[in-house]
Protein backbone atom coordinates (compact mmCIF):
# COMPACT_ATOMS: atom_id res chain seq x y z
CA MET A 1 -0.14 -0.03 -0.08
CA SER A 2 2.70 2.45 0.38
CA ARG A 3 3.95 2.00 -2.89
CA LEU A 4 1.31 2.74 -4.32
CA MET A 5 0.88 5.83 -1.83
CA GLN A 6 4.41 6.98 -3.90
CA LYS A 7 2.81 6.72 -6.87
CA ALA A 8 0.02 9.05 -5.66
CA GLY A 9 2.87 11.69 -4.66
CA PHE A 10 3.37 10.86 -1.14
CA ASN A 11 6.73 10.78 0.83
CA VAL A 12 7.92 7.76 3.23
CA SER A 13 8.52 10.51 6.19
CA TYR A 14 9.44 8.06 8.73
CA LYS A 15 8.87 4.76 9.51
CA LYS A 16 8.22 2.87 13.30
CA GLY A 17 7.08 -0.37 13.91
CA HIS A 18 5.14 -1.38 12.09
CA HIS A 19 3.59 0.63 10.55
CA ILE A 20 4.72 3.67 7.45
CA ALA A 21 3.88 7.51 8.25
CA LEU A 22 3.59 9.03 4.51
CA GLN A 23 2.71 13.51 3.35
CA ARG A 24 2.16 14.75 0.38
CA LYS A 25 2.55 18.39 0.02
CA GLU A 26 -0.40 19.42 -2.24
CA PRO A 27 -3.24 19.12 -0.56
CA PHE A 28 -1.11 18.12 2.71
CA THR A 29 -1.73 15.37 3.99
CA THR A 30 -0.35 12.25 6.31
CA LEU A 31 -1.37 9.36 6.50
CA ILE A 32 -0.46 6.21 8.53
CA ILE A 33 0.10 2.96 7.16
CA PRO A 34 0.21 -0.60 9.00
CA ASP A 35 3.53 -2.02 7.67
CA ASN A 36 1.65 -5.52 6.47
CA GLN A 37 1.36 -7.60 3.86
CA THR A 38 -2.25 -7.67 3.62
CA LEU A 39 -4.96 -5.12 4.53
CA ASP A 40 -8.51 -5.64 5.16
CA SER A 41 -10.74 -4.03 3.14
CA GLY A 42 -11.71 -1.01 5.53
CA THR A 43 -8.54 -0.43 6.21
CA VAL A 44 -7.63 0.40 2.53
CA ASP A 45 -10.76 2.30 2.00
CA ALA A 46 -10.64 4.50 5.05
CA LEU A 47 -6.65 5.03 3.75
CA LEU A 48 -8.58 6.04 0.57
CA ASP A 49 -10.93 8.07 1.71
CA ASP A 50 -8.28 9.95 3.83
CA ALA A 51 -6.18 10.67 0.58
CA CYS A 52 -8.70 11.90 -1.51
CA ILE A 53 -8.48 9.11 -4.07
CA SER A 54 -10.86 7.46 -6.39
CA ASP A 55 -11.92 4.37 -6.94
CA GLU A 56 -11.22 5.16 -10.65
CA GLU A 57 -7.76 6.65 -9.43
CA PHE A 58 -7.02 3.91 -7.09
CA LYS A 59 -7.50 1.60 -10.17
CA LYS A 60 -5.45 3.60 -12.08
CA LEU A 61 -2.83 3.50 -9.94
CA LEU A 62 -2.47 -0.32 -9.53
CA GLN A 63 -2.45 -0.80 -13.27
CA ARG A 64 0.99 1.96 -13.21
CA LYS A 65 4.37 -0.09 -13.46
C-alpha cells in the first residue's frame, strides 16, 4: 500500500515499528499505514478516503508499473 501511495505523490516521512508515515504536500495529507502484507478492505477504503483518492484513480494506480 505504501508503494501505491508513493505513486499518488506521497513520500515516506518515517517508519516506526509496524507502521509507515507518508506525507503529501498538495493537498497536505499525512497517512499512517500498517506495514503488513495484507490489509482489511475497510482499512484500504479508509486510507483511500483520507488520501482523497477515488476508486477510478485507485484502479489506475494499480495498473501503473
